[in-house]
């Protein structure tokens, strides 16, 4: 499988947005817990939702060059949910089944989930269907016939 420069650059932008989103998440948790005295569990949940919306907006514009739409937002949320479920399964297996340290689980999820999410977002969430039925990824110009 050959990875082109445009796709690599897009993945770097996606990773950069991921770092920004993660920073926003941790700052949000801190502010909600320390300044507004929220329960950490609720602060984490609210911050995750906020981070996901910011991530969508930044990736939509900066990474994929897409327009704002309900369709892409819903697809992005589905991809985020898939990533969340995979994260839970990996962490459960590593910590509960294999009885290994949770740091290993965090390392594995950090290496796997962003790649899966990028692939799903690139080829499903932010794809463009051209006239004639071909599908083009927003920035790469790669297309396939008949929507496959």
C-alpha atoms as a PDB file:
ATOM      1  CA  UNK A   1       0.000   0.000   0.000  1.00  0.00           C
ATOM      2  CA  UNK A   2       1.498   3.288  -1.103  1.00  0.00           C
ATOM      3  CA  UNK A   3       0.793   6.295   1.088  1.00  0.00           C
ATOM      4  CA  UNK A   4       0.884   9.542  -0.849  1.00  0.00           C
ATOM      5  CA  UNK A   5       2.244  12.836   0.437  1.00  0.00           C
ATOM      6  CA  UNK A   6      -1.164  14.508   0.544  1.00  0.00           C
ATOM      7  CA  UNK A   7      -2.609  11.761   2.713  1.00  0.00           C
ATOM      8  CA  UNK A   8       0.418  11.868   5.019  1.00  0.00           C
ATOM      9  CA  UNK A   9       0.127  15.647   5.336  1.00  0.00           C
ATOM     10  CA  UNK A  10      -3.587  15.326   6.058  1.00  0.00           C
ATOM     11  CA  UNK A  11      -2.835  12.772   8.790  1.00  0.00           C
ATOM     12  CA  UNK A  12      -0.289  15.181  10.306  1.00  0.00           C
ATOM     13  CA  UNK A  13      -2.949  17.930  10.357  1.00  0.00           C
ATOM     14  CA  UNK A  14      -5.415  15.450  11.881  1.00  0.00           C
ATOM     15  CA  UNK A  15      -2.856  14.586  14.576  1.00  0.00           C
ATOM     16  CA  UNK A  16      -2.226  18.272  15.287  1.00  0.00           C
ATOM     17  CA  UNK A  17      -5.962  18.849  15.737  1.00  0.00           C
ATOM     18  CA  UNK A  18      -6.016  15.789  18.001  1.00  0.00           C
ATOM     19  CA  UNK A  19      -3.325  17.338  20.208  1.00  0.00           C
ATOM     20  CA  UNK A  20      -5.262  20.606  20.405  1.00  0.00           C
ATOM     21  CA  UNK A  21      -8.470  18.720  21.202  1.00  0.00           C
ATOM     22  CA  UNK A  22      -6.745  16.727  23.943  1.00  0.00           C
ATOM     23  CA  UNK A  23      -5.384  19.918  25.475  1.00  0.00           C
ATOM     24  CA  UNK A  24      -8.873  21.446  25.384  1.00  0.00           C
ATOM     25  CA  UNK A  25     -10.223  18.321  27.083  1.00  0.00           C
ATOM     26  CA  UNK A  26      -7.739  18.469  29.963  1.00  0.00           C
ATOM     27  CA  UNK A  27      -8.143  22.223  30.453  1.00  0.00           C
ATOM     28  CA  UNK A  28     -11.946  21.831  30.444  1.00  0.00           C
ATOM     29  CA  UNK A  29     -11.815  19.072  33.048  1.00  0.00           C
ATOM     30  CA  UNK A  30      -9.503  21.150  35.223  1.00  0.00           C
ATOM     31  CA  UNK A  31     -11.650  24.289  34.986  1.00  0.00           C
ATOM     32  CA  UNK A  32     -14.900  22.422  35.666  1.00  0.00           C
ATOM     33  CA  UNK A  33     -13.484  20.529  38.652  1.00  0.00           C
ATOM     34  CA  UNK A  34     -11.269  23.188  40.211  1.00  0.00           C
ATOM     35  CA  UNK A  35     -13.145  26.401  39.446  1.00  0.00           C
ATOM     36  CA  UNK A  36     -16.777  25.312  39.160  1.00  0.00           C
ATOM     37  CA  UNK A  37     -16.565  22.387  41.614  1.00  0.00           C
ATOM     38  CA  UNK A  38     -18.063  19.812  39.233  1.00  0.00           C
ATOM     39  CA  UNK A  39     -17.787  16.135  40.068  1.00  0.00           C
ATOM     40  CA  UNK A  40     -14.776  14.809  38.071  1.00  0.00           C
ATOM     41  CA  UNK A  41     -16.916  12.144  36.397  1.00  0.00           C
ATOM     42  CA  UNK A  42     -19.383  14.726  35.066  1.00  0.00           C
ATOM     43  CA  UNK A  43     -16.597  17.151  34.232  1.00  0.00           C
ATOM     44  CA  UNK A  44     -14.889  14.452  32.186  1.00  0.00           C
ATOM     45  CA  UNK A  45     -18.095  13.606  30.317  1.00  0.00           C
ATOM     46  CA  UNK A  46     -18.903  17.258  29.553  1.00  0.00           C
ATOM     47  CA  UNK A  47     -15.325  17.907  28.505  1.00  0.00           C
ATOM     48  CA  UNK A  48     -15.375  14.878  26.194  1.00  0.00           C
ATOM     49  CA  UNK A  49     -18.496  16.207  24.473  1.00  0.00           C
ATOM     50  CA  UNK A  50     -17.002  19.699  24.192  1.00  0.00           C
ATOM     51  CA  UNK A  51     -13.691  18.308  22.895  1.00  0.00           C
ATOM     52  CA  UNK A  52     -15.488  16.177  20.292  1.00  0.00           C
ATOM     53  CA  UNK A  53     -17.415  19.182  18.952  1.00  0.00           C
ATOM     54  CA  UNK A  54     -14.254  21.314  18.797  1.00  0.00           C
ATOM     55  CA  UNK A  55     -12.436  18.440  17.113  1.00  0.00           C
ATOM     56  CA  UNK A  56     -15.195  18.199  14.504  1.00  0.00           C
ATOM     57  CA  UNK A  57     -15.091  21.923  13.765  1.00  0.00           C
ATOM     58  CA  UNK A  58     -11.291  22.041  13.504  1.00  0.00           C
ATOM     59  CA  UNK A  59     -10.994  18.858  11.443  1.00  0.00           C
ATOM     60  CA  UNK A  60     -13.858  19.862   9.184  1.00  0.00           C
ATOM     61  CA  UNK A  61     -12.150  23.119   8.264  1.00  0.00           C
ATOM     62  CA  UNK A  62      -8.411  22.604   8.800  1.00  0.00           C
ATOM     63  CA  UNK A  63      -7.868  18.923   8.006  1.00  0.00           C
ATOM     64  CA  UNK A  64     -10.559  18.007   5.490  1.00  0.00           C
ATOM     65  CA  UNK A  65     -11.613  21.380   4.033  1.00  0.00           C
ATOM     66  CA  UNK A  66     -15.277  20.424   4.269  1.00  0.00           C
ATOM     67  CA  UNK A  67     -18.371  22.532   4.739  1.00  0.00           C
ATOM     68  CA  UNK A  68     -20.466  22.437   7.896  1.00  0.00           C
ATOM     69  CA  UNK A  69     -23.326  19.969   7.608  1.00  0.00           C
ATOM     70  CA  UNK A  70     -25.515  17.837   9.817  1.00  0.00           C
ATOM     71  CA  UNK A  71     -24.493  14.768   7.803  1.00  0.00           C
ATOM     72  CA  UNK A  72     -20.771  15.190   8.471  1.00  0.00           C
ATOM     73  CA  UNK A  73     -21.379  16.067  12.128  1.00  0.00           C
ATOM     74  CA  UNK A  74     -23.455  12.917  12.668  1.00  0.00           C
ATOM     75  CA  UNK A  75     -20.891  10.791  10.851  1.00  0.00           C
ATOM     76  CA  UNK A  76     -18.093  12.336  12.922  1.00  0.00           C
ATOM     77  CA  UNK A  77     -20.016  11.517  16.096  1.00  0.00           C
ATOM     78  CA  UNK A  78     -20.503   7.913  14.923  1.00  0.00           C
ATOM     79  CA  UNK A  79     -16.750   7.616  14.275  1.00  0.00           C
ATOM     80  CA  UNK A  80     -16.061   9.090  17.718  1.00  0.00           C
ATOM     81  CA  UNK A  81     -18.420   6.551  19.281  1.00  0.00           C
ATOM     82  CA  UNK A  82     -16.669   3.723  17.420  1.00  0.00           C
ATOM     83  CA  UNK A  83     -13.336   5.000  18.743  1.00  0.00           C
ATOM     84  CA  UNK A  84     -14.771   5.184  22.250  1.00  0.00           C
ATOM     85  CA  UNK A  85     -16.023   1.585  22.060  1.00  0.00           C
ATOM     86  CA  UNK A  86     -12.703   0.311  20.689  1.00  0.00           C
ATOM     87  CA  UNK A  87     -10.921   2.210  23.459  1.00  0.00           C
ATOM     88  CA  UNK A  88     -13.121   0.553  26.090  1.00  0.00           C
ATOM     89  CA  UNK A  89     -12.609  -2.933  24.623  1.00  0.00           C
ATOM     90  CA  UNK A  90      -8.818  -2.569  24.403  1.00  0.00           C
ATOM     91  CA  UNK A  91      -8.576  -1.159  27.919  1.00  0.00           C
ATOM     92  CA  UNK A  92     -10.827  -3.911  29.278  1.00  0.00           C
ATOM     93  CA  UNK A  93      -8.759  -6.636  27.626  1.00  0.00           C
ATOM     94  CA  UNK A  94      -5.400  -5.239  28.714  1.00  0.00           C
ATOM     95  CA  UNK A  95      -6.373  -4.312  32.275  1.00  0.00           C
ATOM     96  CA  UNK A  96      -9.046  -6.872  33.224  1.00  0.00           C
ATOM     97  CA  UNK A  97      -8.338  -9.923  31.054  1.00  0.00           C
ATOM     98  CA  UNK A  98      -4.544  -9.815  30.705  1.00  0.00           C
ATOM     99  CA  UNK A  99      -4.045  -8.081  34.093  1.00  0.00           C
ATOM    100  CA  UNK A 100      -1.484  -5.643  32.677  1.00  0.00           C
ATOM    101  CA  UNK A 101      -0.864  -2.045  33.732  1.00  0.00           C
ATOM    102  CA  UNK A 102      -3.318   0.491  32.381  1.00  0.00           C
ATOM    103  CA  UNK A 103      -0.416   2.544  30.952  1.00  0.00           C
ATOM    104  CA  UNK A 104       0.062  -0.210  28.376  1.00  0.00           C
ATOM    105  CA  UNK A 105      -3.610   0.045  27.477  1.00  0.00           C
ATOM    106  CA  UNK A 106      -3.318   3.799  27.089  1.00  0.00           C
ATOM    107  CA  UNK A 107      -0.267   3.357  24.860  1.00  0.00           C
ATOM    108  CA  UNK A 108      -2.017   0.802  22.648  1.00  0.00           C
ATOM    109  CA  UNK A 109      -5.183   2.878  22.316  1.00  0.00           C
ATOM    110  CA  UNK A 110      -3.162   6.008  21.580  1.00  0.00           C
ATOM    111  CA  UNK A 111      -1.412   4.217  18.717  1.00  0.00           C
ATOM    112  CA  UNK A 112      -4.461   2.451  17.242  1.00  0.00           C
ATOM    113  CA  UNK A 113      -7.561   4.615  17.662  1.00  0.00           C
ATOM    114  CA  UNK A 114      -6.353   7.829  15.987  1.00  0.00           C
ATOM    115  CA  UNK A 115      -5.398   5.825  12.873  1.00  0.00           C
ATOM    116  CA  UNK A 116      -8.784   4.078  12.757  1.00  0.00           C
ATOM    117  CA  UNK A 117     -10.632   7.364  13.336  1.00  0.00           C
ATOM    118  CA  UNK A 118      -8.590   9.119  10.658  1.00  0.00           C
ATOM    119  CA  UNK A 119      -9.325   6.403   8.095  1.00  0.00           C
ATOM    120  CA  UNK A 120     -13.047   6.446   8.876  1.00  0.00           C
ATOM    121  CA  UNK A 121     -13.236  10.249   8.855  1.00  0.00           C
ATOM    122  CA  UNK A 122     -11.185  10.571   5.685  1.00  0.00           C
ATOM    123  CA  UNK A 123     -13.001   7.935   3.641  1.00  0.00           C
ATOM    124  CA  UNK A 124     -16.510   8.145   5.111  1.00  0.00           C
ATOM    125  CA  UNK A 125     -17.262  11.245   7.203  1.00  0.00           C
ATOM    126  CA  UNK A 126     -15.763  13.869   4.897  1.00  0.00           C
ATOM    127  CA  UNK A 127     -16.001  12.191   1.492  1.00  0.00           C
ATOM    128  CA  UNK A 128     -17.583  13.995  -1.425  1.00  0.00           C
ATOM    129  CA  UNK A 129     -19.858  12.297  -3.932  1.00  0.00           C
ATOM    130  CA  UNK A 130     -19.264  13.778  -7.380  1.00  0.00           C
ATOM    131  CA  UNK A 131     -21.633  13.900 -10.318  1.00  0.00           C
ATOM    132  CA  UNK A 132     -21.604  10.497 -11.979  1.00  0.00           C
ATOM    133  CA  UNK A 133     -21.450   8.606  -8.699  1.00  0.00           C
ATOM    134  CA  UNK A 134     -17.710   8.659  -7.990  1.00  0.00           C
ATOM    135  CA  UNK A 135     -16.550   9.389  -4.460  1.00  0.00           C
ATOM    136  CA  UNK A 136     -13.651  11.728  -3.773  1.00  0.00           C
ATOM    137  CA  UNK A 137     -11.873  12.239  -0.496  1.00  0.00           C
ATOM    138  CA  UNK A 138     -11.972  15.986   0.134  1.00  0.00           C
ATOM    139  CA  UNK A 139      -8.272  16.878  -0.217  1.00  0.00           C
ATOM    140  CA  UNK A 140      -6.590  13.901  -1.893  1.00  0.00           C
ATOM    141  CA  UNK A 141      -8.512  13.911  -5.135  1.00  0.00           C
ATOM    142  CA  UNK A 142      -8.550  10.108  -5.013  1.00  0.00           C
ATOM    143  CA  UNK A 143     -11.775   8.705  -6.311  1.00  0.00           C
ATOM    144  CA  UNK A 144     -13.536   5.408  -6.818  1.00  0.00           C
ATOM    145  CA  UNK A 145     -16.295   4.546  -9.256  1.00  0.00           C
ATOM    146  CA  UNK A 146     -19.887   3.741  -8.305  1.00  0.00           C
ATOM    147  CA  UNK A 147     -19.493   4.853  -4.702  1.00  0.00           C
ATOM    148  CA  UNK A 148     -17.208   2.012  -3.622  1.00  0.00           C
END
